[in-house]
Amino acid sequence: MPFTELCIYQVKPQKIAEFEALMLEAKDFLEKQEGLLLLRLVKRGYHIDMEQIKEGLPPLRITRIVKSMKYMLYWEFDTKENYGAAQKNLYASYWKPIEKCLIAPHDKYLGESLF
């Protein structure tokens, strides 16, 4: 059963370009981690409300940043052990510069994929 992490980053508005450049640089490193099945970084850029959902309308683009820009890093591994080793490698290499871009510590959601 694949093991998954969804990590939410809240990036300071003045650090967006730095964060994106850093994550682009880290992408090659992250893709080389043993057992990695899937890697995605998503920048939150849209919202949808219940009325839009009921009407089948597309989401609306977010037009301003209030407190932070949110990013979601999704990565999936073949085993928990390979995930743990990849975390260690990330923290030994890119974590400090990533942390300097954030307004608060990141949130991690971990679990085994159901489908």
N, C-alpha and C. Protein backbone atom coordinates (compact mmCIF):
# COMPACT_ATOMS: atom_id res chain seq x y z
N MET A 1 0.84 -1.17 0.00
CA MET A 1 0.00 0.00 0.00
C MET A 1 0.89 1.25 0.00
N PRO A 2 0.75 2.15 -0.96
CA PRO A 2 1.59 3.35 -1.00
C PRO A 2 1.38 4.23 0.23
N PHE A 3 2.46 4.92 0.62
CA PHE A 3 2.43 5.83 1.76
C PHE A 3 2.52 7.26 1.24
N THR A 4 1.64 8.12 1.75
CA THR A 4 1.47 9.46 1.20
C THR A 4 1.65 10.53 2.26
N GLU A 5 2.21 11.67 1.80
CA GLU A 5 2.26 12.88 2.62
C GLU A 5 1.66 14.02 1.80
N LEU A 6 0.80 14.80 2.45
CA LEU A 6 0.33 16.06 1.91
C LEU A 6 0.83 17.12 2.88
N CYS A 7 1.64 18.02 2.39
CA CYS A 7 2.25 19.04 3.23
C CYS A 7 1.73 20.41 2.78
N ILE A 8 1.27 21.20 3.74
CA ILE A 8 0.74 22.53 3.44
C ILE A 8 1.76 23.57 3.91
N TYR A 9 2.19 24.41 2.97
CA TYR A 9 3.12 25.50 3.27
C TYR A 9 2.38 26.82 3.18
N GLN A 10 2.56 27.70 4.15
CA GLN A 10 2.03 29.06 4.12
C GLN A 10 3.22 30.00 3.92
N VAL A 11 3.37 30.50 2.71
CA VAL A 11 4.55 31.27 2.34
C VAL A 11 4.29 32.77 2.48
N LYS A 12 5.26 33.46 3.06
CA LYS A 12 5.19 34.93 3.19
C LYS A 12 5.06 35.53 1.80
N PRO A 13 4.18 36.54 1.63
CA PRO A 13 4.00 37.14 0.31
C PRO A 13 5.30 37.63 -0.32
N GLN A 14 6.19 38.20 0.44
CA GLN A 14 7.44 38.71 -0.10
C GLN A 14 8.46 37.61 -0.39
N LYS A 15 8.15 36.36 -0.04
CA LYS A 15 9.06 35.23 -0.25
C LYS A 15 8.56 34.25 -1.32
N ILE A 16 7.48 34.59 -2.02
CA ILE A 16 6.89 33.68 -3.00
C ILE A 16 7.89 33.30 -4.09
N ALA A 17 8.53 34.27 -4.71
CA ALA A 17 9.49 33.98 -5.79
C ALA A 17 10.65 33.13 -5.27
N GLU A 18 11.14 33.45 -4.09
CA GLU A 18 12.24 32.67 -3.50
C GLU A 18 11.81 31.23 -3.23
N PHE A 19 10.61 31.06 -2.66
CA PHE A 19 10.10 29.72 -2.36
C PHE A 19 9.94 28.91 -3.64
N GLU A 20 9.34 29.50 -4.66
CA GLU A 20 9.12 28.76 -5.91
C GLU A 20 10.44 28.38 -6.57
N ALA A 21 11.42 29.27 -6.54
CA ALA A 21 12.74 28.96 -7.11
C ALA A 21 13.41 27.84 -6.32
N LEU A 22 13.29 27.90 -5.02
CA LEU A 22 13.87 26.87 -4.15
C LEU A 22 13.22 25.51 -4.40
N MET A 23 11.89 25.47 -4.51
CA MET A 23 11.20 24.21 -4.74
C MET A 23 11.51 23.65 -6.13
N LEU A 24 11.67 24.52 -7.10
CA LEU A 24 12.05 24.07 -8.44
C LEU A 24 13.45 23.44 -8.40
N GLU A 25 14.34 24.04 -7.65
CA GLU A 25 15.68 23.48 -7.48
C GLU A 25 15.62 22.15 -6.73
N ALA A 26 14.77 22.06 -5.72
CA ALA A 26 14.66 20.84 -4.91
C ALA A 26 13.96 19.72 -5.67
N LYS A 27 13.21 20.04 -6.71
CA LYS A 27 12.43 19.04 -7.45
C LYS A 27 13.31 17.90 -7.95
N ASP A 28 14.44 18.20 -8.58
CA ASP A 28 15.32 17.15 -9.08
C ASP A 28 15.82 16.26 -7.95
N PHE A 29 16.16 16.88 -6.83
CA PHE A 29 16.61 16.14 -5.66
C PHE A 29 15.49 15.23 -5.13
N LEU A 30 14.29 15.78 -5.02
CA LEU A 30 13.17 15.01 -4.48
C LEU A 30 12.79 13.85 -5.39
N GLU A 31 12.86 14.06 -6.70
CA GLU A 31 12.49 13.00 -7.64
C GLU A 31 13.47 11.82 -7.62
N LYS A 32 14.64 12.01 -7.06
CA LYS A 32 15.64 10.94 -6.99
C LYS A 32 15.54 10.10 -5.72
N GLN A 33 14.57 10.40 -4.86
CA GLN A 33 14.44 9.65 -3.62
C GLN A 33 13.94 8.23 -3.89
N GLU A 34 14.56 7.28 -3.24
CA GLU A 34 14.22 5.87 -3.44
C GLU A 34 12.76 5.61 -3.09
N GLY A 35 12.07 4.92 -3.96
CA GLY A 35 10.69 4.52 -3.71
C GLY A 35 9.65 5.58 -4.04
N LEU A 36 10.07 6.74 -4.56
CA LEU A 36 9.11 7.79 -4.88
C LEU A 36 8.23 7.35 -6.04
N LEU A 37 6.92 7.44 -5.87
CA LEU A 37 5.96 7.07 -6.91
C LEU A 37 5.37 8.29 -7.60
N LEU A 38 5.13 9.37 -6.84
CA LEU A 38 4.48 10.55 -7.39
C LEU A 38 4.88 11.78 -6.58
N LEU A 39 5.13 12.88 -7.27
CA LEU A 39 5.49 14.14 -6.63
C LEU A 39 4.75 15.27 -7.32
N ARG A 40 4.06 16.11 -6.55
CA ARG A 40 3.35 17.25 -7.10
C ARG A 40 3.47 18.43 -6.12
N LEU A 41 3.67 19.63 -6.67
CA LEU A 41 3.60 20.86 -5.88
C LEU A 41 2.51 21.71 -6.51
N VAL A 42 1.52 22.08 -5.70
CA VAL A 42 0.37 22.84 -6.19
C VAL A 42 0.34 24.18 -5.48
N LYS A 43 0.14 25.25 -6.24
CA LYS A 43 -0.03 26.59 -5.70
C LYS A 43 -1.52 26.89 -5.67
N ARG A 44 -2.04 27.24 -4.50
CA ARG A 44 -3.47 27.53 -4.41
C ARG A 44 -3.74 28.82 -5.17
N GLY A 45 -4.63 28.74 -6.14
CA GLY A 45 -4.92 29.91 -6.94
C GLY A 45 -6.40 30.12 -7.20
N TYR A 46 -7.25 29.22 -6.68
CA TYR A 46 -8.69 29.29 -6.94
C TYR A 46 -9.48 28.98 -5.68
N HIS A 47 -10.73 29.37 -5.69
CA HIS A 47 -11.66 28.99 -4.62
C HIS A 47 -13.01 28.70 -5.26
N ILE A 48 -13.83 27.95 -4.54
CA ILE A 48 -15.16 27.62 -5.04
C ILE A 48 -16.11 27.60 -3.85
N ASP A 49 -17.32 28.12 -4.06
CA ASP A 49 -18.30 28.10 -2.99
C ASP A 49 -19.44 27.15 -3.36
N MET A 50 -20.35 26.96 -2.43
CA MET A 50 -21.41 25.98 -2.62
C MET A 50 -22.32 26.35 -3.79
N GLU A 51 -22.59 27.62 -4.00
CA GLU A 51 -23.45 28.04 -5.11
C GLU A 51 -22.80 27.66 -6.45
N GLN A 52 -21.51 27.88 -6.57
CA GLN A 52 -20.80 27.51 -7.80
C GLN A 52 -20.87 26.00 -8.02
N ILE A 53 -20.72 25.24 -6.94
CA ILE A 53 -20.77 23.78 -7.03
C ILE A 53 -22.15 23.34 -7.50
N LYS A 54 -23.20 23.88 -6.88
CA LYS A 54 -24.57 23.51 -7.24
C LYS A 54 -24.88 23.82 -8.69
N GLU A 55 -24.31 24.90 -9.21
CA GLU A 55 -24.57 25.33 -10.58
C GLU A 55 -23.60 24.71 -11.58
N GLY A 56 -22.60 23.99 -11.08
CA GLY A 56 -21.62 23.38 -11.98
C GLY A 56 -20.68 24.40 -12.61
N LEU A 57 -20.46 25.50 -11.91
CA LEU A 57 -19.61 26.56 -12.42
C LEU A 57 -18.14 26.30 -12.09
N PRO A 58 -17.23 26.85 -12.87
CA PRO A 58 -15.81 26.67 -12.57
C PRO A 58 -15.40 27.49 -11.34
N PRO A 59 -14.31 27.11 -10.71
CA PRO A 59 -13.82 27.88 -9.57
C PRO A 59 -13.36 29.28 -10.00
N LEU A 60 -13.31 30.18 -9.04
CA LEU A 60 -12.88 31.55 -9.29
C LEU A 60 -11.42 31.73 -8.89
N ARG A 61 -10.70 32.50 -9.69
CA ARG A 61 -9.30 32.78 -9.39
C ARG A 61 -9.21 33.69 -8.16
N ILE A 62 -8.27 33.38 -7.28
CA ILE A 62 -7.98 34.24 -6.13
C ILE A 62 -7.22 35.45 -6.65
N THR A 63 -7.68 36.65 -6.28
CA THR A 63 -7.10 37.86 -6.86
C THR A 63 -6.16 38.62 -5.92
N ARG A 64 -6.12 38.25 -4.65
CA ARG A 64 -5.20 38.93 -3.74
C ARG A 64 -4.73 37.99 -2.66
N ILE A 65 -3.56 38.29 -2.15
CA ILE A 65 -2.97 37.52 -1.06
C ILE A 65 -3.21 38.30 0.22
N VAL A 66 -3.86 37.70 1.20
CA VAL A 66 -4.16 38.39 2.44
C VAL A 66 -3.03 38.20 3.45
N LYS A 67 -2.74 36.99 3.81
CA LYS A 67 -1.74 36.69 4.84
C LYS A 67 -0.58 35.88 4.29
N SER A 68 -0.90 34.92 3.42
CA SER A 68 0.14 34.05 2.87
C SER A 68 -0.36 33.41 1.57
N MET A 69 0.59 32.88 0.81
CA MET A 69 0.25 32.07 -0.36
C MET A 69 0.40 30.62 0.10
N LYS A 70 -0.61 29.81 -0.18
CA LYS A 70 -0.55 28.42 0.25
C LYS A 70 -0.12 27.52 -0.90
N TYR A 71 0.71 26.56 -0.56
CA TYR A 71 1.19 25.54 -1.48
C TYR A 71 0.94 24.19 -0.84
N MET A 72 0.68 23.20 -1.69
CA MET A 72 0.50 21.83 -1.22
C MET A 72 1.52 20.95 -1.92
N LEU A 73 2.35 20.30 -1.14
CA LEU A 73 3.30 19.34 -1.68
C LEU A 73 2.72 17.95 -1.43
N TYR A 74 2.55 17.19 -2.50
CA TYR A 74 2.02 15.84 -2.40
C TYR A 74 3.09 14.90 -2.91
N TRP A 75 3.48 13.96 -2.06
CA TRP A 75 4.38 12.92 -2.56
C TRP A 75 4.00 11.58 -1.99
N GLU A 76 4.20 10.56 -2.81
CA GLU A 76 3.76 9.21 -2.50
C GLU A 76 4.94 8.27 -2.67
N PHE A 77 5.08 7.36 -1.73
CA PHE A 77 6.18 6.40 -1.72
C PHE A 77 5.66 4.97 -1.68
N ASP A 78 6.52 4.05 -2.08
CA ASP A 78 6.14 2.65 -2.05
C ASP A 78 6.07 2.10 -0.63
N THR A 79 6.87 2.66 0.31
CA THR A 79 6.87 2.18 1.70
C THR A 79 7.04 3.34 2.66
N LYS A 80 6.65 3.14 3.92
CA LYS A 80 6.87 4.13 4.97
C LYS A 80 8.37 4.34 5.21
N GLU A 81 9.14 3.27 5.06
CA GLU A 81 10.58 3.35 5.30
C GLU A 81 11.26 4.27 4.28
N ASN A 82 10.89 4.13 3.01
CA ASN A 82 11.45 5.02 1.98
C ASN A 82 11.00 6.46 2.18
N TYR A 83 9.76 6.62 2.62
CA TYR A 83 9.28 7.96 2.95
C TYR A 83 10.13 8.57 4.07
N GLY A 84 10.37 7.80 5.12
CA GLY A 84 11.18 8.29 6.25
C GLY A 84 12.58 8.68 5.82
N ALA A 85 13.20 7.87 4.97
CA ALA A 85 14.55 8.19 4.48
C ALA A 85 14.54 9.47 3.64
N ALA A 86 13.50 9.65 2.83
CA ALA A 86 13.38 10.85 2.01
C ALA A 86 13.20 12.09 2.88
N GLN A 87 12.43 11.97 3.95
CA GLN A 87 12.26 13.10 4.88
C GLN A 87 13.60 13.50 5.48
N LYS A 88 14.36 12.51 5.89
CA LYS A 88 15.68 12.80 6.46
C LYS A 88 16.55 13.53 5.44
N ASN A 89 16.53 13.09 4.20
CA ASN A 89 17.33 13.73 3.15
C ASN A 89 16.87 15.15 2.88
N LEU A 90 15.56 15.37 2.88
CA LEU A 90 15.02 16.71 2.66
C LEU A 90 15.44 17.65 3.79
N TYR A 91 15.31 17.20 5.00
CA TYR A 91 15.65 18.04 6.15
C TYR A 91 17.14 18.33 6.21
N ALA A 92 17.97 17.42 5.73
CA ALA A 92 19.41 17.64 5.74
C ALA A 92 19.87 18.58 4.63
N SER A 93 19.01 18.85 3.65
CA SER A 93 19.44 19.62 2.49
C SER A 93 18.66 20.92 2.29
N TYR A 94 17.37 20.86 2.15
CA TYR A 94 16.57 22.01 1.74
C TYR A 94 15.69 22.60 2.84
N TRP A 95 15.59 21.93 3.97
CA TRP A 95 14.58 22.37 4.91
C TRP A 95 14.82 23.77 5.48
N LYS A 96 16.03 24.12 5.87
CA LYS A 96 16.25 25.44 6.48
C LYS A 96 15.89 26.58 5.54
N PRO A 97 16.30 26.55 4.26
CA PRO A 97 15.88 27.64 3.37
C PRO A 97 14.36 27.66 3.13
N ILE A 98 13.72 26.49 3.10
CA ILE A 98 12.26 26.44 2.95
C ILE A 98 11.60 27.10 4.16
N GLU A 99 12.06 26.72 5.35
CA GLU A 99 11.47 27.23 6.59
C GLU A 99 11.54 28.75 6.67
N LYS A 100 12.58 29.36 6.14
CA LYS A 100 12.73 30.82 6.18
C LYS A 100 11.68 31.55 5.33
N CYS A 101 11.03 30.83 4.43
CA CYS A 101 10.00 31.43 3.57
C CYS A 101 8.61 31.37 4.18
N LEU A 102 8.44 30.66 5.29
CA LEU A 102 7.11 30.37 5.84
C LEU A 102 6.71 31.33 6.96
N ILE A 103 5.39 31.57 7.07
CA ILE A 103 4.89 32.39 8.18
C ILE A 103 4.66 31.55 9.43
N ALA A 104 4.55 30.24 9.26
CA ALA A 104 4.29 29.31 10.37
C ALA A 104 4.82 27.95 9.97
N PRO A 105 5.09 27.07 10.95
CA PRO A 105 5.51 25.72 10.58
C PRO A 105 4.48 25.06 9.66
N HIS A 106 4.96 24.23 8.76
CA HIS A 106 4.08 23.56 7.81
C HIS A 106 3.24 22.49 8.49
N ASP A 107 2.13 22.14 7.86
CA ASP A 107 1.27 21.06 8.32
C ASP A 107 1.55 19.83 7.48
N LYS A 108 1.64 18.68 8.12
CA LYS A 108 1.84 17.41 7.41
C LYS A 108 0.65 16.51 7.69
N TYR A 109 0.14 15.92 6.62
CA TYR A 109 -0.92 14.93 6.73
C TYR A 109 -0.38 13.65 6.10
N LEU A 110 -0.32 12.59 6.88
CA LEU A 110 0.31 11.34 6.46
C LEU A 110 -0.70 10.20 6.49
N GLY A 111 -0.52 9.28 5.55
CA GLY A 111 -1.37 8.10 5.58
C GLY A 111 -1.11 7.17 4.41
N GLU A 112 -1.75 6.02 4.48
CA GLU A 112 -1.65 5.04 3.39
C GLU A 112 -2.78 5.32 2.41
N SER A 113 -2.45 5.23 1.12
CA SER A 113 -3.44 5.48 0.08
C SER A 113 -4.51 4.40 0.08
N LEU A 114 -5.75 4.80 -0.04
CA LEU A 114 -6.86 3.85 -0.09
C LEU A 114 -7.18 3.43 -1.51
N PHE A 115 -6.95 4.32 -2.47
CA PHE A 115 -7.15 3.99 -3.89
C PHE A 115 -6.31 4.92 -4.73
